[in-house]
Amino acid sequence: MNPKNILFVDDQSFIRHFYSHTLKKNGYHVIEAENGEQALSILESGEAVDIIFLDAVMPVMDGFETCEKIRDNKDFSKIPIVFLTGNSDKSTISKAMGAGATDYLVKGSNPEDILEKLDTLS
């Protein structure tokens, strides 16, 4: 798999733009959502998504619930989901993995870390 369509879900616009900029300049198409409810709407609309970067703490629907709903839907359940959140404690990581996350990155990471993560998921 060579993921090209990325759904980036975070309630903080500056975070979305910070990471999206790096992804776009490296040839990726980035679709942005500010909460889990928007992310699910995008998926249900039929938008092609190869990988999802998902924040844990968001209003409306948090990342854990969003991840579980994606995993419960047979149409989207195989899409890799990488949590990208400011919480690096073991309980948050465990909760993310228990919700169905493929992997986990800590916010504030170098944007190049996302590119490396994409390489490992290819």
PDB file of N, CA and C in Angstrom:
ATOM      1  N   MET A   1       0.841  -1.183   0.000  1.00  0.00           N
ATOM      2  CA  MET A   1       0.000   0.000   0.000  1.00  0.00           C
ATOM      3  C   MET A   1       0.886   1.246   0.000  1.00  0.00           C
ATOM      4  N   ASN A   2       0.502   2.207  -0.801  1.00  0.00           N
ATOM      5  CA  ASN A   2       1.196   3.487  -0.811  1.00  0.00           C
ATOM      6  C   ASN A   2       0.160   4.561  -0.506  1.00  0.00           C
ATOM      7  N   PRO A   3      -0.049   4.868   0.790  1.00  0.00           N
ATOM      8  CA  PRO A   3      -1.130   5.788   1.154  1.00  0.00           C
ATOM      9  C   PRO A   3      -0.918   7.181   0.567  1.00  0.00           C
ATOM     10  N   LYS A   4      -1.936   7.670  -0.113  1.00  0.00           N
ATOM     11  CA  LYS A   4      -1.864   9.007  -0.689  1.00  0.00           C
ATOM     12  C   LYS A   4      -2.950   9.926  -0.149  1.00  0.00           C
ATOM     13  N   ASN A   5      -4.075   9.373   0.290  1.00  0.00           N
ATOM     14  CA  ASN A   5      -5.185  10.168   0.794  1.00  0.00           C
ATOM     15  C   ASN A   5      -5.244  10.034   2.310  1.00  0.00           C
ATOM     16  N   ILE A   6      -4.997  11.143   2.980  1.00  0.00           N
ATOM     17  CA  ILE A   6      -4.888  11.122   4.438  1.00  0.00           C
ATOM     18  C   ILE A   6      -6.003  11.955   5.049  1.00  0.00           C
ATOM     19  N   LEU A   7      -6.692  11.358   6.005  1.00  0.00           N
ATOM     20  CA  LEU A   7      -7.685  12.078   6.800  1.00  0.00           C
ATOM     21  C   LEU A   7      -7.001  12.477   8.095  1.00  0.00           C
ATOM     22  N   PHE A   8      -6.907  13.783   8.334  1.00  0.00           N
ATOM     23  CA  PHE A   8      -6.227  14.309   9.518  1.00  0.00           C
ATOM     24  C   PHE A   8      -7.272  14.927  10.428  1.00  0.00           C
ATOM     25  N   VAL A   9      -7.448  14.336  11.615  1.00  0.00           N
ATOM     26  CA  VAL A   9      -8.524  14.738  12.515  1.00  0.00           C
ATOM     27  C   VAL A   9      -7.936  15.322  13.799  1.00  0.00           C
ATOM     28  N   ASP A  10      -8.193  16.614  14.007  1.00  0.00           N
ATOM     29  CA  ASP A  10      -7.724  17.301  15.212  1.00  0.00           C
ATOM     30  C   ASP A  10      -8.570  18.549  15.389  1.00  0.00           C
ATOM     31  N   ASP A  11      -8.944  18.854  16.619  1.00  0.00           N
ATOM     32  CA  ASP A  11      -9.784  20.025  16.869  1.00  0.00           C
ATOM     33  C   ASP A  11      -9.005  21.336  16.806  1.00  0.00           C
ATOM     34  N   GLN A  12      -7.698  21.279  16.809  1.00  0.00           N
ATOM     35  CA  GLN A  12      -6.880  22.488  16.773  1.00  0.00           C
ATOM     36  C   GLN A  12      -6.406  22.748  15.342  1.00  0.00           C
ATOM     37  N   SER A  13      -6.903  23.817  14.754  1.00  0.00           N
ATOM     38  CA  SER A  13      -6.598  24.094  13.348  1.00  0.00           C
ATOM     39  C   SER A  13      -5.095  24.277  13.099  1.00  0.00           C
ATOM     40  N   PHE A  14      -4.393  24.897  14.034  1.00  0.00           N
ATOM     41  CA  PHE A  14      -2.964  25.101  13.801  1.00  0.00           C
ATOM     42  C   PHE A  14      -2.203  23.778  13.775  1.00  0.00           C
ATOM     43  N   ILE A  15      -2.660  22.788  14.522  1.00  0.00           N
ATOM     44  CA  ILE A  15      -2.037  21.455  14.483  1.00  0.00           C
ATOM     45  C   ILE A  15      -2.311  20.802  13.129  1.00  0.00           C
ATOM     46  N   ARG A  16      -3.588  20.862  12.693  1.00  0.00           N
ATOM     47  CA  ARG A  16      -3.929  20.299  11.381  1.00  0.00           C
ATOM     48  C   ARG A  16      -3.075  20.930  10.298  1.00  0.00           C
ATOM     49  N   HIS A  17      -2.967  22.245  10.305  1.00  0.00           N
ATOM     50  CA  HIS A  17      -2.215  22.942   9.257  1.00  0.00           C
ATOM     51  C   HIS A  17      -0.714  22.660   9.360  1.00  0.00           C
ATOM     52  N   PHE A  18      -0.198  22.584  10.558  1.00  0.00           N
ATOM     53  CA  PHE A  18       1.224  22.320  10.774  1.00  0.00           C
ATOM     54  C   PHE A  18       1.643  21.003  10.122  1.00  0.00           C
ATOM     55  N   TYR A  19       0.900  19.936  10.417  1.00  0.00           N
ATOM     56  CA  TYR A  19       1.243  18.630   9.858  1.00  0.00           C
ATOM     57  C   TYR A  19       0.789  18.488   8.407  1.00  0.00           C
ATOM     58  N   SER A  20      -0.359  19.058   8.075  1.00  0.00           N
ATOM     59  CA  SER A  20      -0.863  18.958   6.697  1.00  0.00           C
ATOM     60  C   SER A  20       0.109  19.577   5.703  1.00  0.00           C
ATOM     61  N   HIS A  21       0.735  20.680   6.103  1.00  0.00           N
ATOM     62  CA  HIS A  21       1.692  21.347   5.219  1.00  0.00           C
ATOM     63  C   HIS A  21       2.800  20.383   4.794  1.00  0.00           C
ATOM     64  N   THR A  22       3.372  19.666   5.743  1.00  0.00           N
ATOM     65  CA  THR A  22       4.437  18.711   5.442  1.00  0.00           C
ATOM     66  C   THR A  22       3.929  17.598   4.537  1.00  0.00           C
ATOM     67  N   LEU A  23       2.746  17.100   4.841  1.00  0.00           N
ATOM     68  CA  LEU A  23       2.184  16.013   4.034  1.00  0.00           C
ATOM     69  C   LEU A  23       1.923  16.468   2.601  1.00  0.00           C
ATOM     70  N   LYS A  24       1.330  17.638   2.457  1.00  0.00           N
ATOM     71  CA  LYS A  24       0.996  18.139   1.118  1.00  0.00           C
ATOM     72  C   LYS A  24       2.249  18.391   0.277  1.00  0.00           C
ATOM     73  N   LYS A  25       3.284  18.949   0.898  1.00  0.00           N
ATOM     74  CA  LYS A  25       4.492  19.231   0.119  1.00  0.00           C
ATOM     75  C   LYS A  25       5.232  17.946  -0.261  1.00  0.00           C
ATOM     76  N   ASN A  26       4.833  16.818   0.336  1.00  0.00           N
ATOM     77  CA  ASN A  26       5.414  15.529  -0.015  1.00  0.00           C
ATOM     78  C   ASN A  26       4.463  14.695  -0.885  1.00  0.00           C
ATOM     79  N   GLY A  27       3.476  15.356  -1.474  1.00  0.00           N
ATOM     80  CA  GLY A  27       2.630  14.698  -2.458  1.00  0.00           C
ATOM     81  C   GLY A  27       1.372  14.027  -1.952  1.00  0.00           C
ATOM     82  N   TYR A  28       1.039  14.223  -0.696  1.00  0.00           N
ATOM     83  CA  TYR A  28      -0.161  13.605  -0.132  1.00  0.00           C
ATOM     84  C   TYR A  28      -1.364  14.533  -0.264  1.00  0.00           C
ATOM     85  N   HIS A  29      -2.525  13.953  -0.449  1.00  0.00           N
ATOM     86  CA  HIS A  29      -3.782  14.696  -0.433  1.00  0.00           C
ATOM     87  C   HIS A  29      -4.308  14.609   0.987  1.00  0.00           C
ATOM     88  N   VAL A  30      -4.549  15.748   1.618  1.00  0.00           N
ATOM     89  CA  VAL A  30      -4.971  15.766   3.016  1.00  0.00           C
ATOM     90  C   VAL A  30      -6.395  16.293   3.123  1.00  0.00           C
ATOM     91  N   ILE A  31      -7.224  15.532   3.806  1.00  0.00           N
ATOM     92  CA  ILE A  31      -8.584  15.922   4.120  1.00  0.00           C
ATOM     93  C   ILE A  31      -8.589  16.205   5.611  1.00  0.00           C
ATOM     94  N   GLU A  32      -9.096  17.361   6.010  1.00  0.00           N
ATOM     95  CA  GLU A  32      -9.061  17.744   7.423  1.00  0.00           C
ATOM     96  C   GLU A  32     -10.448  17.676   8.041  1.00  0.00           C
ATOM     97  N   ALA A  33     -10.488  17.223   9.300  1.00  0.00           N
ATOM     98  CA  ALA A  33     -11.714  17.224  10.096  1.00  0.00           C
ATOM     99  C   ALA A  33     -11.355  17.722  11.480  1.00  0.00           C
ATOM    100  N   GLU A  34     -12.298  18.433  12.128  1.00  0.00           N
ATOM    101  CA  GLU A  34     -11.991  18.986  13.445  1.00  0.00           C
ATOM    102  C   GLU A  34     -12.546  18.176  14.599  1.00  0.00           C
ATOM    103  N   ASN A  35     -13.255  17.085  14.291  1.00  0.00           N
ATOM    104  CA  ASN A  35     -13.726  16.185  15.353  1.00  0.00           C
ATOM    105  C   ASN A  35     -14.113  14.838  14.750  1.00  0.00           C
ATOM    106  N   GLY A  36     -14.390  13.899  15.612  1.00  0.00           N
ATOM    107  CA  GLY A  36     -14.710  12.553  15.163  1.00  0.00           C
ATOM    108  C   GLY A  36     -15.976  12.466  14.340  1.00  0.00           C
ATOM    109  N   GLU A  37     -16.948  13.267  14.686  1.00  0.00           N
ATOM    110  CA  GLU A  37     -18.211  13.260  13.941  1.00  0.00           C
ATOM    111  C   GLU A  37     -17.970  13.693  12.486  1.00  0.00           C
ATOM    112  N   GLN A  38     -17.180  14.732  12.286  1.00  0.00           N
ATOM    113  CA  GLN A  38     -16.844  15.165  10.930  1.00  0.00           C
ATOM    114  C   GLN A  38     -16.056  14.088  10.193  1.00  0.00           C
ATOM    115  N   ALA A  39     -15.140  13.446  10.895  1.00  0.00           N
ATOM    116  CA  ALA A  39     -14.336  12.385  10.273  1.00  0.00           C
ATOM    117  C   ALA A  39     -15.230  11.255   9.769  1.00  0.00           C
ATOM    118  N   LEU A  40     -16.187  10.836  10.581  1.00  0.00           N
ATOM    119  CA  LEU A  40     -17.100   9.775  10.158  1.00  0.00           C
ATOM    120  C   LEU A  40     -17.948  10.212   8.970  1.00  0.00           C
ATOM    121  N   SER A  41     -18.382  11.458   8.957  1.00  0.00           N
ATOM    122  CA  SER A  41     -19.153  11.985   7.825  1.00  0.00           C
ATOM    123  C   SER A  41     -18.340  11.943   6.536  1.00  0.00           C
ATOM    124  N   ILE A  42     -17.076  12.296   6.636  1.00  0.00           N
ATOM    125  CA  ILE A  42     -16.191  12.263   5.472  1.00  0.00           C
ATOM    126  C   ILE A  42     -16.059  10.834   4.956  1.00  0.00           C
ATOM    127  N   LEU A  43     -15.833   9.900   5.854  1.00  0.00           N
ATOM    128  CA  LEU A  43     -15.717   8.499   5.442  1.00  0.00           C
ATOM    129  C   LEU A  43     -17.017   8.005   4.807  1.00  0.00           C
ATOM    130  N   GLU A  44     -18.138   8.332   5.427  1.00  0.00           N
ATOM    131  CA  GLU A  44     -19.436   7.872   4.928  1.00  0.00           C
ATOM    132  C   GLU A  44     -19.816   8.524   3.601  1.00  0.00           C
ATOM    133  N   SER A  45     -19.210   9.665   3.289  1.00  0.00           N
ATOM    134  CA  SER A  45     -19.495  10.341   2.019  1.00  0.00           C
ATOM    135  C   SER A  45     -18.862   9.631   0.830  1.00  0.00           C
ATOM    136  N   GLY A  46     -17.964   8.698   1.121  1.00  0.00           N
ATOM    137  CA  GLY A  46     -17.301   7.958   0.057  1.00  0.00           C
ATOM    138  C   GLY A  46     -15.944   8.506  -0.317  1.00  0.00           C
ATOM    139  N   GLU A  47     -15.500   9.526   0.395  1.00  0.00           N
ATOM    140  CA  GLU A  47     -14.164  10.096   0.150  1.00  0.00           C
ATOM    141  C   GLU A  47     -13.123   8.994   0.338  1.00  0.00           C
ATOM    142  N   ALA A  48     -12.203   8.864  -0.614  1.00  0.00           N
ATOM    143  CA  ALA A  48     -11.150   7.851  -0.524  1.00  0.00           C
ATOM    144  C   ALA A  48     -10.154   8.242   0.562  1.00  0.00           C
ATOM    145  N   VAL A  49      -9.947   7.362   1.519  1.00  0.00           N
ATOM    146  CA  VAL A  49      -9.009   7.601   2.617  1.00  0.00           C
ATOM    147  C   VAL A  49      -8.137   6.366   2.781  1.00  0.00           C
ATOM    148  N   ASP A  50      -6.814   6.574   2.739  1.00  0.00           N
ATOM    149  CA  ASP A  50      -5.864   5.473   2.871  1.00  0.00           C
ATOM    150  C   ASP A  50      -5.349   5.307   4.296  1.00  0.00           C
ATOM    151  N   ILE A  51      -5.314   6.410   5.045  1.00  0.00           N
ATOM    152  CA  ILE A  51      -4.822   6.365   6.423  1.00  0.00           C
ATOM    153  C   ILE A  51      -5.437   7.528   7.199  1.00  0.00           C
ATOM    154  N   ILE A  52      -5.605   7.344   8.496  1.00  0.00           N
ATOM    155  CA  ILE A  52      -6.191   8.368   9.351  1.00  0.00           C
ATOM    156  C   ILE A  52      -5.212   8.710  10.468  1.00  0.00           C
ATOM    157  N   PHE A  53      -4.954  10.005  10.637  1.00  0.00           N
ATOM    158  CA  PHE A  53      -4.243  10.498  11.814  1.00  0.00           C
ATOM    159  C   PHE A  53      -5.302  11.118  12.704  1.00  0.00           C
ATOM    160  N   LEU A  54      -5.351  10.687  13.958  1.00  0.00           N
ATOM    161  CA  LEU A  54      -6.484  10.988  14.827  1.00  0.00           C
ATOM    162  C   LEU A  54      -6.028  11.472  16.195  1.00  0.00           C
ATOM    163  N   ASP A  55      -6.533  12.629  16.605  1.00  0.00           N
ATOM    164  CA  ASP A  55      -6.284  13.140  17.949  1.00  0.00           C
ATOM    165  C   ASP A  55      -7.160  12.365  18.929  1.00  0.00           C
ATOM    166  N   ALA A  56      -6.737  12.283  20.166  1.00  0.00           N
ATOM    167  CA  ALA A  56      -7.519  11.573  21.185  1.00  0.00           C
ATOM    168  C   ALA A  56      -8.561  12.477  21.824  1.00  0.00           C
ATOM    169  N   VAL A  57      -8.157  13.678  22.219  1.00  0.00           N
ATOM    170  CA  VAL A  57      -9.040  14.562  22.978  1.00  0.00           C
ATOM    171  C   VAL A  57      -9.613  15.626  22.048  1.00  0.00           C
ATOM    172  N   MET A  58     -10.910  15.513  21.782  1.00  0.00           N
ATOM    173  CA  MET A  58     -11.611  16.467  20.912  1.00  0.00           C
ATOM    174  C   MET A  58     -13.041  16.621  21.412  1.00  0.00           C
ATOM    175  N   PRO A  59     -13.654  17.767  21.116  1.00  0.00           N
ATOM    176  CA  PRO A  59     -15.074  17.931  21.452  1.00  0.00           C
ATOM    177  C   PRO A  59     -15.944  17.137  20.471  1.00  0.00           C
ATOM    178  N   VAL A  60     -17.204  17.033  20.769  1.00  0.00           N
ATOM    179  CA  VAL A  60     -18.230  16.364  19.964  1.00  0.00           C
ATOM    180  C   VAL A  60     -18.058  14.851  20.025  1.00  0.00           C
ATOM    181  N   MET A  61     -16.945  14.322  19.516  1.00  0.00           N
ATOM    182  CA  MET A  61     -16.645  12.892  19.606  1.00  0.00           C
ATOM    183  C   MET A  61     -15.137  12.728  19.689  1.00  0.00           C
ATOM    184  N   ASP A  62     -14.659  12.133  20.781  1.00  0.00           N
ATOM    185  CA  ASP A  62     -13.215  12.012  20.951  1.00  0.00           C
ATOM    186  C   ASP A  62     -12.632  10.934  20.025  1.00  0.00           C
ATOM    187  N   GLY A  63     -11.329  10.859  20.005  1.00  0.00           N
ATOM    188  CA  GLY A  63     -10.639   9.925  19.124  1.00  0.00           C
ATOM    189  C   GLY A  63     -10.893   8.466  19.447  1.00  0.00           C
ATOM    190  N   PHE A  64     -11.055   8.150  20.708  1.00  0.00           N
ATOM    191  CA  PHE A  64     -11.275   6.756  21.090  1.00  0.00           C
ATOM    192  C   PHE A  64     -12.604   6.247  20.539  1.00  0.00           C
ATOM    193  N   GLU A  65     -13.655   7.036  20.736  1.00  0.00           N
ATOM    194  CA  GLU A  65     -14.978   6.655  20.226  1.00  0.00           C
ATOM    195  C   GLU A  65     -14.964   6.623  18.699  1.00  0.00           C
ATOM    196  N   THR A  66     -14.303   7.593  18.095  1.00  0.00           N
ATOM    197  CA  THR A  66     -14.204   7.634  16.637  1.00  0.00           C
ATOM    198  C   THR A  66     -13.515   6.392  16.111  1.00  0.00           C
ATOM    199  N   CYS A  67     -12.411   6.036  16.728  1.00  0.00           N
ATOM    200  CA  CYS A  67     -11.655   4.851  16.320  1.00  0.00           C
ATOM    201  C   CYS A  67     -12.522   3.596  16.425  1.00  0.00           C
ATOM    202  N   GLU A  68     -13.237   3.454  17.524  1.00  0.00           N
ATOM    203  CA  GLU A  68     -14.098   2.289  17.708  1.00  0.00           C
ATOM    204  C   GLU A  68     -15.184   2.230  16.639  1.00  0.00           C
ATOM    205  N   LYS A  69     -15.782   3.373  16.309  1.00  0.00           N
ATOM    206  CA  LYS A  69     -16.840   3.409  15.295  1.00  0.00           C
ATOM    207  C   LYS A  69     -16.279   3.057  13.914  1.00  0.00           C
ATOM    208  N   ILE A  70     -15.078   3.507  13.626  1.00  0.00           N
ATOM    209  CA  ILE A  70     -14.449   3.167  12.347  1.00  0.00           C
ATOM    210  C   ILE A  70     -14.183   1.665  12.292  1.00  0.00           C
ATOM    211  N   ARG A  71     -13.667   1.121  13.366  1.00  0.00           N
ATOM    212  CA  ARG A  71     -13.365  -0.317  13.404  1.00  0.00           C
ATOM    213  C   ARG A  71     -14.629  -1.181  13.332  1.00  0.00           C
ATOM    214  N   ASP A  72     -15.742  -0.646  13.823  1.00  0.00           N
ATOM    215  CA  ASP A  72     -17.010  -1.383  13.794  1.00  0.00           C
ATOM    216  C   ASP A  72     -17.687  -1.356  12.430  1.00  0.00           C
ATOM    217  N   ASN A  73     -17.229  -0.507  11.524  1.00  0.00           N
ATOM    218  CA  ASN A  73     -17.834  -0.388  10.202  1.00  0.00           C
ATOM    219  C   ASN A  73     -16.996  -1.182   9.205  1.00  0.00           C
ATOM    220  N   LYS A  74     -17.586  -2.214   8.625  1.00  0.00           N
ATOM    221  CA  LYS A  74     -16.823  -3.102   7.738  1.00  0.00           C
ATOM    222  C   LYS A  74     -16.233  -2.370   6.536  1.00  0.00           C
ATOM    223  N   ASP A  75     -16.844  -1.262   6.122  1.00  0.00           N
ATOM    224  CA  ASP A  75     -16.344  -0.507   4.973  1.00  0.00           C
ATOM    225  C   ASP A  75     -15.052   0.253   5.277  1.00  0.00           C
ATOM    226  N   PHE A  76     -14.804   0.566   6.547  1.00  0.00           N
ATOM    227  CA  PHE A  76     -13.648   1.373   6.925  1.00  0.00           C
ATOM    228  C   PHE A  76     -12.700   0.670   7.882  1.00  0.00           C
ATOM    229  N   SER A  77     -13.052  -0.504   8.324  1.00  0.00           N
ATOM    230  CA  SER A  77     -12.334  -1.152   9.427  1.00  0.00           C
ATOM    231  C   SER A  77     -10.870  -1.457   9.139  1.00  0.00           C
ATOM    232  N   LYS A  78     -10.490  -1.540   7.886  1.00  0.00           N
ATOM    233  CA  LYS A  78      -9.104  -1.886   7.536  1.00  0.00           C
ATOM    234  C   LYS A  78      -8.201  -0.662   7.340  1.00  0.00           C
ATOM    235  N   ILE A  79      -8.774   0.542   7.416  1.00  0.00           N
ATOM    236  CA  ILE A  79      -7.966   1.754   7.245  1.00  0.00           C
ATOM    237  C   ILE A  79      -7.037   1.905   8.456  1.00  0.00           C
ATOM    238  N   PRO A  80      -5.733   2.034   8.229  1.00  0.00           N
ATOM    239  CA  PRO A  80      -4.828   2.252   9.363  1.00  0.00           C
ATOM    240  C   PRO A  80      -5.158   3.567  10.077  1.00  0.00           C
ATOM    241  N   ILE A  81      -5.145   3.511  11.409  1.00  0.00           N
ATOM    242  CA  ILE A  81      -5.412   4.684  12.236  1.00  0.00           C
ATOM    243  C   ILE A  81      -4.216   4.912  13.156  1.00  0.00           C
ATOM    244  N   VAL A  82      -3.606   6.084  13.011  1.00  0.00           N
ATOM    245  CA  VAL A  82      -2.480   6.461  13.870  1.00  0.00           C
ATOM    246  C   VAL A  82      -2.956   7.589  14.776  1.00  0.00           C
ATOM    247  N   PHE A  83      -2.947   7.335  16.068  1.00  0.00           N
ATOM    248  CA  PHE A  83      -3.277   8.404  17.019  1.00  0.00           C
ATOM    249  C   PHE A  83      -2.118   9.377  17.057  1.00  0.00           C
ATOM    250  N   LEU A  84      -2.427  10.657  16.987  1.00  0.00           N
ATOM    251  CA  LEU A  84      -1.441  11.721  17.105  1.00  0.00           C
ATOM    252  C   LEU A  84      -1.987  12.653  18.172  1.00  0.00           C
ATOM    253  N   THR A  85      -1.451  12.524  19.379  1.00  0.00           N
ATOM    254  CA  THR A  85      -2.020  13.259  20.506  1.00  0.00           C
ATOM    255  C   THR A  85      -0.932  13.733  21.454  1.00  0.00           C
ATOM    256  N   GLY A  86      -1.269  14.685  22.282  1.00  0.00           N
ATOM    257  CA  GLY A  86      -0.315  15.234  23.238  1.00  0.00           C
ATOM    258  C   GLY A  86      -0.103  14.353  24.459  1.00  0.00           C
ATOM    259  N   ASN A  87      -0.955  13.363  24.636  1.00  0.00           N
ATOM    260  CA  ASN A  87      -0.851  12.479  25.808  1.00  0.00           C
ATOM    261  C   ASN A  87       0.062  11.305  25.499  1.00  0.00           C
ATOM    262  N   SER A  88       1.157  11.214  26.225  1.00  0.00           N
ATOM    263  CA  SER A  88       2.091  10.113  25.989  1.00  0.00           C
ATOM    264  C   SER A  88       2.122   9.118  27.145  1.00  0.00           C
ATOM    265  N   ASP A  89       1.158   9.254  28.074  1.00  0.00           N
ATOM    266  CA  ASP A  89       1.151   8.318  29.201  1.00  0.00           C
ATOM    267  C   ASP A  89       0.668   6.938  28.740  1.00  0.00           C
ATOM    268  N   LYS A  90       1.089   5.914  29.462  1.00  0.00           N
ATOM    269  CA  LYS A  90       0.798   4.539  29.073  1.00  0.00           C
ATOM    270  C   LYS A  90      -0.693   4.234  29.029  1.00  0.00           C
ATOM    271  N   SER A  91      -1.477   4.845  29.911  1.00  0.00           N
ATOM    272  CA  SER A  91      -2.911   4.563  29.923  1.00  0.00           C
ATOM    273  C   SER A  91      -3.594   5.092  28.660  1.00  0.00           C
ATOM    274  N   THR A  92      -3.169   6.241  28.169  1.00  0.00           N
ATOM    275  CA  THR A  92      -3.743   6.794  26.938  1.00  0.00           C
ATOM    276  C   THR A  92      -3.346   5.940  25.744  1.00  0.00           C
ATOM    277  N   ILE A  93      -2.086   5.557  25.694  1.00  0.00           N
ATOM    278  CA  ILE A  93      -1.621   4.697  24.607  1.00  0.00           C
ATOM    279  C   ILE A  93      -2.376   3.370  24.634  1.00  0.00           C
ATOM    280  N   SER A  94      -2.525   2.793  25.806  1.00  0.00           N
ATOM    281  CA  SER A  94      -3.248   1.532  25.948  1.00  0.00           C
ATOM    282  C   SER A  94      -4.707   1.674  25.521  1.00  0.00           C
ATOM    283  N   LYS A  95      -5.332   2.784  25.898  1.00  0.00           N
ATOM    284  CA  LYS A  95      -6.721   3.028  25.528  1.00  0.00           C
ATOM    285  C   LYS A  95      -6.851   3.180  24.007  1.00  0.00           C
ATOM    286  N   ALA A  96      -5.903   3.873  23.392  1.00  0.00           N
ATOM    287  CA  ALA A  96      -5.918   4.045  21.933  1.00  0.00           C
ATOM    288  C   ALA A  96      -5.766   2.705  21.221  1.00  0.00           C
ATOM    289  N   MET A  97      -4.831   1.912  21.674  1.00  0.00           N
ATOM    290  CA  MET A  97      -4.613   0.611  21.047  1.00  0.00           C
ATOM    291  C   MET A  97      -5.819  -0.304  21.287  1.00  0.00           C
ATOM    292  N   GLY A  98      -6.414  -0.203  22.445  1.00  0.00           N
ATOM    293  CA  GLY A  98      -7.615  -0.984  22.746  1.00  0.00           C
ATOM    294  C   GLY A  98      -8.808  -0.576  21.902  1.00  0.00           C
ATOM    295  N   ALA A  99      -8.837   0.680  21.471  1.00  0.00           N
ATOM    296  CA  ALA A  99      -9.930   1.172  20.621  1.00  0.00           C
ATOM    297  C   ALA A  99      -9.745   0.737  19.168  1.00  0.00           C
ATOM    298  N   GLY A 100      -8.535   0.244  18.850  1.00  0.00           N
ATOM    299  CA  GLY A 100      -8.287  -0.240  17.499  1.00  0.00           C
ATOM    300  C   GLY A 100      -7.227   0.506  16.721  1.00  0.00           C
ATOM    301  N   ALA A 101      -6.446   1.346  17.392  1.00  0.00           N
ATOM    302  CA  ALA A 101      -5.388   2.096  16.711  1.00  0.00           C
ATOM    303  C   ALA A 101      -4.346   1.153  16.125  1.00  0.00           C
ATOM    304  N   THR A 102      -3.812   1.566  14.997  1.00  0.00           N
ATOM    305  CA  THR A 102      -2.724   0.829  14.350  1.00  0.00           C
ATOM    306  C   THR A 102      -1.393   1.215  14.980  1.00  0.00           C
ATOM    307  N   ASP A 103      -1.276   2.498  15.332  1.00  0.00           N
ATOM    308  CA  ASP A 103      -0.033   3.005  15.906  1.00  0.00           C
ATOM    309  C   ASP A 103      -0.305   4.319  16.635  1.00  0.00           C
ATOM    310  N   TYR A 104       0.761   4.919  17.160  1.00  0.00           N
ATOM    311  CA  TYR A 104       0.626   6.069  18.054  1.00  0.00           C
ATOM    312  C   TYR A 104       1.831   6.986  17.890  1.00  0.00           C
ATOM    313  N   LEU A 105       1.578   8.288  17.743  1.00  0.00           N
ATOM    314  CA  LEU A 105       2.637   9.298  17.740  1.00  0.00           C
ATOM    315  C   LEU A 105       2.263  10.397  18.732  1.00  0.00           C
ATOM    316  N   VAL A 106       3.266  11.047  19.272  1.00  0.00           N
ATOM    317  CA  VAL A 106       3.028  12.138  20.215  1.00  0.00           C
ATOM    318  C   VAL A 106       3.081  13.459  19.467  1.00  0.00           C
ATOM    319  N   LYS A 107       2.078  14.321  19.706  1.00  0.00           N
ATOM    320  CA  LYS A 107       2.054  15.660  19.105  1.00  0.00           C
ATOM    321  C   LYS A 107       3.306  16.409  19.504  1.00  0.00           C
ATOM    322  N   GLY A 108       3.731  17.245  18.625  1.00  0.00           N
ATOM    323  CA  GLY A 108       4.963  17.992  18.876  1.00  0.00           C
ATOM    324  C   GLY A 108       6.144  17.284  18.249  1.00  0.00           C
ATOM    325  N   SER A 109       5.876  16.066  17.759  1.00  0.00           N
ATOM    326  CA  SER A 109       6.919  15.342  17.041  1.00  0.00           C
ATOM    327  C   SER A 109       7.281  16.124  15.794  1.00  0.00           C
ATOM    328  N   ASN A 110       8.458  15.896  15.320  1.00  0.00           N
ATOM    329  CA  ASN A 110       8.885  16.476  14.067  1.00  0.00           C
ATOM    330  C   ASN A 110       7.898  16.041  12.988  1.00  0.00           C
ATOM    331  N   PRO A 111       7.457  16.943  12.129  1.00  0.00           N
ATOM    332  CA  PRO A 111       6.529  16.548  11.069  1.00  0.00           C
ATOM    333  C   PRO A 111       7.066  15.413  10.200  1.00  0.00           C
ATOM    334  N   GLU A 112       8.376  15.310  10.129  1.00  0.00           N
ATOM    335  CA  GLU A 112       8.985  14.229   9.351  1.00  0.00           C
ATOM    336  C   GLU A 112       8.665  12.856   9.962  1.00  0.00           C
ATOM    337  N   ASP A 113       8.334  12.821  11.260  1.00  0.00           N
ATOM    338  CA  ASP A 113       7.965  11.554  11.894  1.00  0.00           C
ATOM    339  C   ASP A 113       6.716  10.962  11.256  1.00  0.00           C
ATOM    340  N   ILE A 114       5.814  11.834  10.808  1.00  0.00           N
ATOM    341  CA  ILE A 114       4.612  11.349  10.128  1.00  0.00           C
ATOM    342  C   ILE A 114       4.997  10.686   8.806  1.00  0.00           C
ATOM    343  N   LEU A 115       5.937  11.276   8.091  1.00  0.00           N
ATOM    344  CA  LEU A 115       6.383  10.682   6.826  1.00  0.00           C
ATOM    345  C   LEU A 115       7.020   9.322   7.070  1.00  0.00           C
ATOM    346  N   GLU A 116       7.814   9.219   8.124  1.00  0.00           N
ATOM    347  CA  GLU A 116       8.416   7.932   8.470  1.00  0.00           C
ATOM    348  C   GLU A 116       7.338   6.902   8.814  1.00  0.00           C
ATOM    349  N   LYS A 117       6.309   7.352   9.542  1.00  0.00           N
ATOM    350  CA  LYS A 117       5.198   6.449   9.916  1.00  0.00           C
ATOM    351  C   LYS A 117       4.491   5.968   8.661  1.00  0.00           C
ATOM    352  N   LEU A 118       4.294   6.860   7.700  1.00  0.00           N
ATOM    353  CA  LEU A 118       3.647   6.470   6.442  1.00  0.00           C
ATOM    354  C   LEU A 118       4.482   5.419   5.709  1.00  0.00           C
ATOM    355  N   ASP A 119       5.807   5.568   5.751  1.00  0.00           N
ATOM    356  CA  ASP A 119       6.680   4.576   5.123  1.00  0.00           C
ATOM    357  C   ASP A 119       6.529   3.205   5.781  1.00  0.00           C
ATOM    358  N   THR A 120       6.392   3.179   7.096  1.00  0.00           N
ATOM    359  CA  THR A 120       6.274   1.887   7.781  1.00  0.00           C
ATOM    360  C   THR A 120       4.920   1.233   7.523  1.00  0.00           C
ATOM    361  N   LEU A 121       3.913   2.030   7.187  1.00  0.00           N
ATOM    362  CA  LEU A 121       2.591   1.489   6.920  1.00  0.00           C
ATOM    363  C   LEU A 121       2.375   1.157   5.445  1.00  0.00           C
ATOM    364  N   SER A 122       3.374   1.448   4.617  1.00  0.00           N
ATOM    365  CA  SER A 122       3.263   1.175   3.172  1.00  0.00           C
ATOM    366  C   SER A 122       3.544  -0.278   2.868  1.00  0.00           C
TER     367      SER A 122
END
